Protein backbone atom coordinates (compact mmCIF):
# COMPACT_ATOMS: atom_id res chain seq x y z
CA MET A 1 24.89 -7.80 -13.78
CA ALA A 2 21.19 -8.00 -12.79
CA THR A 3 19.73 -4.73 -14.05
CA LYS A 4 16.62 -3.19 -11.93
CA PRO A 5 13.23 -3.16 -13.85
CA ARG A 6 12.30 -0.08 -14.86
CA LEU A 7 9.34 1.39 -13.84
CA THR A 8 6.36 2.74 -16.17
CA LYS A 9 5.20 6.65 -15.48
CA GLU A 10 2.43 5.15 -13.19
CA GLU A 11 4.59 3.23 -11.38
CA ASP A 12 6.93 5.68 -10.48
CA ALA A 13 3.96 8.47 -10.05
CA LEU A 14 3.00 5.85 -7.28
CA ARG A 15 6.37 5.43 -5.88
CA ARG A 16 6.64 9.24 -5.34
CA ALA A 17 3.23 9.56 -3.90
CA VAL A 18 4.06 6.66 -1.07
CA PHE A 19 7.25 8.14 -0.04
CA LEU A 20 5.37 11.30 0.54
CA ALA A 21 2.52 9.79 2.18
CA VAL A 22 4.83 7.77 4.77
CA SER A 23 6.03 11.56 6.10
CA PHE A 24 2.65 12.12 7.51
CA ALA A 25 2.46 8.84 9.28
CA GLN A 26 1.61 8.85 12.82
CA ALA A 27 2.93 5.73 14.58
CA GLU A 28 3.83 6.70 18.22
CA ILE A 29 2.24 2.61 18.83
CA SER A 30 4.13 0.58 16.81
CA LYS A 31 6.79 3.05 15.89
CA VAL A 32 6.76 1.84 12.18
CA ARG A 33 5.81 4.79 9.96
CA VAL A 34 3.46 3.11 6.59
CA GLY A 35 2.31 4.83 3.68
CA ALA A 36 0.63 3.68 0.68
CA ALA A 37 -0.82 5.16 -3.00
CA VAL A 38 -3.93 4.14 -4.74
CA LEU A 39 -4.02 4.80 -8.42
CA ALA A 40 -7.86 4.62 -9.31
CA PHE A 41 -10.40 5.48 -12.00
CA ASN A 42 -13.55 7.22 -11.80
CA GLY A 43 -17.14 6.20 -13.61
CA MET A 44 -15.83 8.80 -16.15
CA GLY A 45 -12.48 6.94 -17.10
CA GLU A 46 -9.85 9.92 -15.12
CA ARG A 47 -7.69 8.45 -13.07
CA SER A 48 -5.92 9.71 -9.82
CA ILE A 49 -3.25 8.81 -7.17
CA PHE A 50 -4.81 8.91 -3.28
CA THR A 51 -2.40 8.58 -0.29
CA GLY A 52 -2.59 7.33 2.94
CA CYS A 53 -0.49 6.65 6.11
CA ASN A 54 -0.84 4.78 9.21
CA VAL A 55 -2.74 7.00 12.24
CA GLU A 56 -2.70 4.82 15.71
CA ILE A 57 -4.98 6.61 18.13
CA SER A 58 -4.87 4.30 20.43
CA PHE A 59 -4.16 0.50 20.63
CA SER A 60 -7.40 -0.25 19.84
CA ARG A 61 -7.86 2.03 17.20
CA VAL A 62 -5.33 1.58 14.14
CA PHE A 63 -6.35 2.70 10.81
CA HIS A 64 -3.54 0.98 8.13
CA ALA A 65 -2.32 3.40 5.42
CA GLU A 66 -3.44 0.78 2.98
CA ASN A 67 -6.91 1.64 4.07
CA VAL A 68 -6.70 5.56 4.31
CA ALA A 69 -5.92 5.69 0.75
CA LEU A 70 -8.86 3.42 -0.36
CA LEU A 71 -11.30 5.68 1.29
CA ASN A 72 -9.15 8.69 -0.03
CA GLY A 73 -9.99 7.25 -3.59
CA HIS A 74 -14.01 6.31 -2.52
CA PHE A 75 -14.33 9.52 -0.51
CA CYS A 76 -13.97 11.13 -4.04
CA ARG A 77 -15.50 8.33 -6.11
CA PHE A 78 -12.30 6.95 -7.66
CA THR A 79 -13.92 3.81 -7.06
CA LYS A 80 -11.99 1.64 -9.46
CA ILE A 81 -8.67 0.58 -7.86
CA SER A 82 -5.68 -0.41 -9.94
CA SER A 83 -3.01 -0.44 -7.95
CA VAL A 84 -1.94 0.25 -4.77
CA ALA A 85 1.72 0.76 -3.35
CA VAL A 86 3.21 0.59 -0.05
CA THR A 87 6.41 1.17 1.79
CA SER A 88 7.21 2.03 5.67
CA ASP A 89 10.57 2.52 7.45
CA SER A 90 10.54 -0.74 8.46
CA LYS A 91 12.92 -3.44 6.75
CA GLU A 92 10.55 -6.51 8.26
CA LYS A 93 7.37 -5.01 6.76
CA GLN A 94 8.79 -4.56 3.89
CA LYS A 95 9.21 -8.25 3.24
CA ALA A 96 5.77 -8.80 3.36
CA ALA A 97 2.48 -7.76 1.12
CA MET A 98 -0.70 -5.63 3.16
CA CYS A 99 -2.20 -7.29 5.87
CA GLY A 100 -5.33 -9.77 5.55
CA CYS A 101 -7.94 -7.43 6.45
CA CYS A 102 -6.78 -4.78 4.02
CA ARG A 103 -6.15 -7.29 1.38
CA GLN A 104 -9.44 -8.31 1.65
CA ASP A 105 -11.02 -5.14 1.44
CA TYR A 106 -8.89 -4.76 -2.01
CA MET A 107 -9.96 -7.98 -3.02
CA TYR A 108 -14.31 -6.61 -2.95
CA LEU A 109 -13.17 -4.02 -5.39
CA ASN A 110 -10.64 -5.71 -8.14
CA PRO A 111 -8.78 -8.99 -7.20
CA ASN A 112 -6.52 -8.48 -10.01
CA CYS A 113 -5.26 -5.15 -8.61
CA MET A 114 -1.19 -4.90 -8.48
CA ILE A 115 0.76 -4.74 -5.30
CA TYR A 116 3.57 -2.75 -5.35
CA ILE A 117 5.81 -3.14 -2.22
CA PHE A 118 8.82 -0.32 -2.47
CA ASN A 119 12.22 -0.56 -0.04
CA SER A 120 13.07 2.15 2.31
CA ASN A 121 15.99 3.02 -0.67
CA LYS A 122 12.50 3.44 -3.23
CA SER A 123 14.10 0.86 -5.08
CA LEU A 124 11.24 -1.81 -6.07
CA ARG A 125 11.12 -5.14 -3.41
CA LEU A 126 7.69 -6.83 -4.65
CA LYS A 127 5.02 -6.43 -7.56
CA VAL A 128 2.58 -9.21 -7.23
CA LYS A 129 -1.31 -9.05 -8.21
CA LEU A 130 -3.75 -8.93 -5.44
CA ILE A 131 -5.17 -12.39 -6.08
CA ASP A 132 -1.36 -13.81 -6.14
CA SER A 133 -0.06 -12.09 -3.15
CA MET A 134 -0.73 -15.43 -0.37
CA ALA A 135 2.83 -16.02 -1.29
CA TYR A 136 3.78 -12.98 0.44
CA PRO A 137 2.46 -13.20 3.87
CA TYR A 138 1.85 -10.55 6.75
CA ALA A 139 3.32 -12.46 9.71
CA PRO A 140 3.55 -9.50 12.41
CA LYS A 141 5.44 -10.19 16.08
CA GLY A 142 2.24 -12.38 17.45
CA LYS A 143 2.03 -14.65 15.11
CA ILE A 144 0.71 -18.26 15.37
CA VAL A 145 3.21 -21.31 14.59
């Protein structure tokens, strides 16, 4: 019988934060609630977790949870990104890592940051370095085949 991987204290803190964040999502357009949590460090070496959720204002204005969390950290001057955790209430979305735009923003800051994707039952679905995440594409409904 396979055992579930044990999470470190930081990974468990990210998991708790990401599930809190998803509860604040505003997803009237996509109907997919997404939460994200970023573990970041400031210039003095202090660490903190910043959360974000998707905010869908209109069809042309959507803020992804991953970027909201990233901006929350930057606003507080926590710019050294260590990891990001993401979850949603959609099983389809939980199969992939972040979208390409969000990955690119994180890539500028730390290509070696870890991405954690959690299932809705709070188990870890995916743990991968950002730089290695292309094997886990983000393919929304409108994908070109």
